[in-house]
Protein backbone atom coordinates (compact mmCIF):
# COMPACT_ATOMS: atom_id res chain seq x y z
CA MET A 1 -1.97 -12.10 9.96
CA GLN A 2 1.52 -13.10 9.10
CA ILE A 3 3.63 -11.92 6.42
CA ASP A 4 6.90 -13.40 5.28
CA ILE A 5 8.72 -11.40 3.24
CA LEU A 6 11.47 -12.91 0.81
CA THR A 7 14.30 -10.63 0.39
CA LEU A 8 18.49 -10.27 0.39
CA PHE A 9 18.58 -7.24 2.17
CA PRO A 10 16.52 -8.04 5.06
CA ALA A 11 18.43 -5.51 6.96
CA MET A 12 16.61 -3.10 4.85
CA PHE A 13 13.33 -3.85 7.01
CA GLU A 14 14.51 -2.92 10.70
CA GLY A 15 13.86 0.50 10.95
CA PRO A 16 10.11 0.78 9.68
CA PHE A 17 9.37 -2.33 10.94
CA SER A 18 10.56 -1.57 14.60
CA GLU A 19 8.87 1.71 14.67
CA SER A 20 5.66 3.31 14.86
CA ILE A 21 1.89 1.69 13.76
CA LEU A 22 4.13 -1.79 12.71
CA LYS A 23 5.99 -2.11 16.30
CA ARG A 24 3.04 -1.41 17.85
CA ALA A 25 0.33 -4.04 15.93
CA GLN A 26 3.12 -6.69 16.55
CA GLU A 27 3.37 -5.74 20.02
CA LYS A 28 -0.05 -6.43 20.51
CA GLN A 29 0.28 -10.03 18.60
CA LEU A 30 -1.50 -8.74 15.73
CA LEU A 31 0.73 -8.47 12.84
CA SER A 32 3.79 -11.16 12.84
CA LEU A 33 6.44 -9.58 10.00
CA ARG A 34 8.82 -12.78 8.75
CA LEU A 35 12.25 -11.88 7.37
CA HIS A 36 13.65 -14.54 5.09
CA ASP A 37 16.81 -14.33 3.28
CA ILE A 38 17.50 -15.96 -0.77
CA ARG A 39 20.42 -16.36 -0.26
CA ASN A 40 20.14 -19.42 2.69
CA TYR A 41 18.43 -21.24 0.30
CA THR A 42 21.45 -20.91 -2.34
CA THR A 43 23.47 -24.32 -2.53
CA ASP A 44 27.05 -23.27 -3.24
CA LYS A 45 29.65 -21.98 -1.32
CA HIS A 46 28.90 -18.72 -3.31
CA ARG A 47 25.39 -18.34 -1.91
CA THR A 48 24.27 -17.53 -5.92
CA VAL A 49 20.89 -15.24 -6.34
CA ASP A 50 21.66 -14.47 -10.21
CA ASP A 51 23.23 -14.87 -13.04
CA THR A 52 23.83 -13.72 -17.18
CA PRO A 53 20.17 -13.43 -19.11
CA TYR A 54 20.13 -15.72 -22.01
CA GLY A 55 19.59 -14.25 -25.43
CA GLY A 56 22.26 -11.98 -24.00
CA GLY A 57 21.35 -8.35 -22.30
CA GLY A 58 22.93 -5.72 -19.89
CA GLY A 59 22.14 -6.78 -16.41
CA MET A 60 21.81 -10.15 -14.42
CA VAL A 61 18.31 -11.88 -13.41
CA MET A 62 17.33 -13.66 -10.14
CA MET A 63 17.86 -17.11 -10.72
CA PRO A 64 14.87 -19.56 -10.01
CA GLY A 65 16.20 -22.36 -8.29
CA PRO A 66 17.10 -20.23 -4.94
CA LEU A 67 13.77 -17.99 -5.21
CA ILE A 68 11.70 -21.07 -6.23
CA GLU A 69 12.82 -23.43 -2.76
CA ALA A 70 12.49 -20.12 -0.74
CA VAL A 71 8.29 -20.00 -1.21
CA GLU A 72 7.82 -23.45 -0.74
CA ALA A 73 9.91 -23.96 2.52
CA VAL A 74 8.42 -20.88 4.19
CA ARG A 75 4.94 -21.75 2.77
CA GLY A 76 4.91 -25.24 4.02
CA PRO A 77 2.46 -27.37 3.07
CA GLU A 78 -0.20 -24.25 3.49
CA ARG A 79 -2.12 -23.86 0.11
CA GLY A 80 -4.03 -20.97 -1.32
CA VAL A 81 -2.17 -18.41 0.27
CA PRO A 82 -0.54 -15.94 -2.10
CA VAL A 83 2.49 -15.23 -2.84
CA ILE A 84 2.96 -11.87 -4.14
CA LEU A 85 5.92 -11.15 -6.55
CA LEU A 86 7.05 -7.42 -6.31
CA THR A 87 7.51 -5.71 -9.99
CA PRO A 88 6.92 -2.72 -11.88
CA GLN A 89 4.62 -5.41 -14.64
CA GLY A 90 2.29 -6.01 -11.65
CA ARG A 91 -1.24 -4.57 -10.94
CA ILE A 92 -1.42 -1.44 -9.81
CA PHE A 93 -1.51 -0.91 -5.82
CA THR A 94 -4.28 0.59 -4.21
CA GLN A 95 -6.92 0.83 -1.69
CA ARG A 96 -9.05 -1.24 -3.10
CA VAL A 97 -5.81 -3.63 -3.73
CA ALA A 98 -4.96 -3.52 0.47
CA GLN A 99 -8.41 -3.96 1.57
CA GLU A 100 -8.82 -7.07 -0.40
CA LEU A 101 -4.94 -9.11 0.58
CA ALA A 102 -5.93 -7.16 3.88
CA GLN A 103 -8.71 -10.61 3.68
CA HIS A 104 -6.35 -12.71 4.59
CA PRO A 105 -5.03 -14.44 7.67
CA ARG A 106 -0.97 -15.01 6.01
CA LEU A 107 0.69 -13.69 2.44
CA ILE A 108 4.26 -14.23 1.65
CA LEU A 109 6.00 -10.70 -0.47
CA ILE A 110 8.79 -11.20 -2.88
CA CYS A 111 11.65 -8.62 -3.77
CA GLY A 112 12.43 -8.72 -6.90
CA ARG A 113 16.10 -7.26 -7.69
CA TYR A 114 18.32 -6.14 -10.67
CA GLU A 115 16.96 -6.57 -14.03
CA GLY A 116 13.87 -8.89 -12.69
CA VAL A 117 13.06 -12.84 -11.81
CA ASP A 118 13.04 -16.00 -13.91
CA GLU A 119 9.79 -16.49 -15.59
CA ARG A 120 9.46 -19.88 -14.08
CA VAL A 121 9.35 -18.59 -10.93
CA ARG A 122 5.97 -16.72 -11.52
CA GLN A 123 4.77 -19.86 -13.65
CA THR A 124 5.53 -21.74 -10.81
CA VAL A 125 5.11 -20.28 -7.09
CA VAL A 126 3.32 -16.77 -8.22
CA THR A 127 -0.09 -15.59 -7.73
CA ASP A 128 -0.51 -12.45 -7.73
CA GLU A 129 2.19 -9.57 -9.22
CA ILE A 130 1.68 -6.30 -7.60
CA SER A 131 3.40 -2.79 -7.98
CA ILE A 132 2.77 0.52 -6.30
CA GLY A 133 3.39 2.98 -9.27
CA ASP A 134 4.70 3.59 -13.02
CA TYR A 135 8.12 4.19 -11.76
CA VAL A 136 11.42 1.86 -11.21
CA LEU A 137 13.08 1.27 -7.96
CA THR A 138 16.51 -0.59 -7.37
CA GLY A 139 14.02 -3.47 -5.78
CA GLY A 140 11.16 -4.64 -4.35
CA GLU A 141 11.96 -4.30 -0.65
CA LEU A 142 10.69 -0.43 -0.77
CA ALA A 143 7.49 -1.50 -2.27
CA ALA A 144 7.09 -4.49 -0.03
CA MET A 145 7.31 -1.88 2.87
CA VAL A 146 4.49 0.30 1.39
CA VAL A 147 2.30 -3.04 1.19
CA VAL A 148 2.71 -3.88 4.78
CA ASP A 149 2.26 -0.67 5.35
CA ALA A 150 -1.11 -0.13 4.03
CA VAL A 151 -2.27 -3.36 4.39
CA ALA A 152 -1.17 -4.07 8.87
CA ARG A 153 -3.18 -0.49 9.26
CA LEU A 154 -6.40 -2.86 8.15
CA ILE A 155 -6.22 -5.64 10.39
CA PRO A 156 -9.05 -4.61 13.08
CA GLY A 157 -7.63 -3.09 16.12
CA VAL A 158 -3.92 -1.44 14.27
CA LEU A 159 -5.69 1.76 14.22
CA GLY A 160 -6.16 3.80 18.09
CA ALA A 161 -9.29 5.10 16.39
CA ARG A 162 -11.56 2.61 15.27
CA TRP A 163 -13.37 4.85 11.95
CA ALA A 164 -9.35 5.85 11.71
CA ALA A 165 -9.00 3.57 8.84
CA GLU A 166 -12.16 4.48 7.52
CA GLU A 167 -11.65 8.47 7.27
CA ASP A 168 -8.08 7.77 5.48
CA SER A 169 -7.78 9.05 1.69
CA HIS A 170 -9.16 7.13 -0.77
CA ALA A 171 -10.34 4.25 1.67
CA MET A 172 -13.35 6.28 0.61
CA GLY A 173 -12.87 6.35 -2.88
CA LEU A 174 -12.23 10.55 -1.84
CA LEU A 175 -8.83 12.48 -0.91
CA GLU A 176 -9.30 13.17 2.79
CA TYR A 177 -10.76 17.03 4.13
CA PRO A 178 -8.35 19.13 5.88
CA HIS A 179 -7.48 19.06 9.31
CA TYR A 180 -7.33 21.37 11.96
CA THR A 181 -6.03 21.69 15.61
CA ARG A 182 -5.06 24.15 18.30
CA PRO A 183 -4.66 27.41 18.24
CA PRO A 184 -7.74 28.28 16.78
CA GLU A 185 -5.64 31.08 14.39
CA TYR A 186 -2.00 31.23 13.53
CA ARG A 187 -0.86 34.06 11.38
CA GLY A 188 -3.95 35.82 10.87
CA LEU A 189 -5.50 31.78 9.33
CA ALA A 190 -8.68 30.53 11.50
CA VAL A 191 -10.09 27.75 11.94
CA PRO A 192 -13.07 27.52 10.19
CA ASP A 193 -16.01 28.21 12.60
CA VAL A 194 -18.16 25.09 11.60
CA LEU A 195 -15.95 22.38 13.15
CA LEU A 196 -16.01 24.99 16.24
CA ARG A 197 -19.71 24.51 16.90
CA GLY A 198 -20.14 21.27 18.26
CA ASP A 199 -22.63 20.52 15.92
CA HIS A 200 -21.45 17.35 14.23
CA ALA A 201 -23.71 17.13 12.09
CA ALA A 202 -23.44 19.52 10.39
CA ILE A 203 -18.88 18.98 10.86
CA GLU A 204 -20.04 15.51 8.98
CA ARG A 205 -21.49 17.55 6.15
CA TRP A 206 -18.28 20.07 6.14
CA ARG A 207 -15.98 16.94 6.09
CA ARG A 208 -17.88 15.31 3.61
CA ARG A 209 -17.87 18.66 1.50
CA GLU A 210 -14.26 19.40 1.82
CA ALA A 211 -13.21 15.95 0.77
CA ILE A 212 -15.60 16.97 -2.15
CA ARG A 213 -14.25 19.64 -2.97
CA ARG A 214 -10.42 18.81 -2.32
CA THR A 215 -10.79 15.76 -5.28
CA TRP A 216 -12.59 17.97 -6.78
CA GLN A 217 -9.18 19.85 -7.82
CA ARG A 218 -6.79 17.39 -7.33
CA ARG A 219 -8.06 13.80 -8.61
CA PRO A 220 -11.04 14.25 -10.41
CA ASP A 221 -10.69 11.03 -11.97
CA LEU A 222 -11.42 9.53 -8.28
CA LEU A 223 -14.56 11.36 -8.51
CA LEU A 224 -16.18 8.81 -11.48
CA THR A 225 -16.11 5.37 -9.57
CA ALA A 226 -16.98 7.95 -5.63
CA GLN A 227 -20.25 6.74 -4.47
CA LEU A 228 -21.75 10.40 -3.93
CA SER A 229 -25.39 11.26 -3.14
CA ASP A 230 -28.28 13.21 -5.30
CA ASP A 231 -27.35 16.06 -3.23
CA GLU A 232 -23.37 15.67 -3.24
CA ARG A 233 -23.45 15.50 -7.20
CA TRP A 234 -25.59 18.93 -7.44
CA PHE A 235 -22.48 20.48 -5.10
CA LEU A 236 -20.27 18.58 -7.67
CA ALA A 237 -22.02 19.88 -10.20
CA GLU A 238 -21.85 23.60 -8.03
CA LEU A 239 -18.10 23.48 -8.28
CA ALA A 240 -17.98 22.23 -11.89
CA GLU A 241 -19.26 25.73 -12.28
CA GLN A 242 -17.15 27.82 -10.59
CA ASP A 243 -14.61 26.97 -11.97
CA ALA A 244 -15.53 26.84 -15.88
CA PRO A 245 -13.96 30.06 -16.20
CA MET A 246 -10.84 29.23 -15.41
CA LEU A 247 -11.67 25.44 -17.47
CA VAL A 248 -12.16 28.11 -20.79
């Protein structure tokens, strides 16, 4: 997969893109990350990329010319490439959206700045808009890093364990089950016995139930769309009954 990122601050990406999983994905040639400085597509000697908004108001707005020309130059003659603007006005980024984007061989991400971008950028080159949450950041760079990380780990071969991405929190519609490693007891806290017996069927059942329990306790809204068996729905009903006195 190739991901092109249009930004005013390419240096912000050097650390995150040169460490850990993203670094290995690029070394394996499973992922190509290309940074493009929007200022390189300006035409004046001051390399101007923003100006005051028509109609007045505070802040600055990113001009349409440099952004649109940057997208067109980076995209080239290829059509059908998603051009995604990172903006608080976009659809909320979820694991499902990450899975959707991971199906594309190429993505172009635009990092907004200041008060936003000229509306003509949306009208001309943008095909999708994404927000990573209901809060305000200084710019789209951090949001782009989040999108790249979430999408990259879904590329076949990027993660070491074949099943790792499928078992992550949110990947199966639930929060992930608790994890344990050595020692078997630490400061009086013991690893659940079921994980030590080697009964893989029992372990899978325990993990699934603990994922349901944790989701019920922390993000019950996810259970509205989670795919549960009849047995798991009975288990969820038991959890709800146990917590009922606490809710009164």
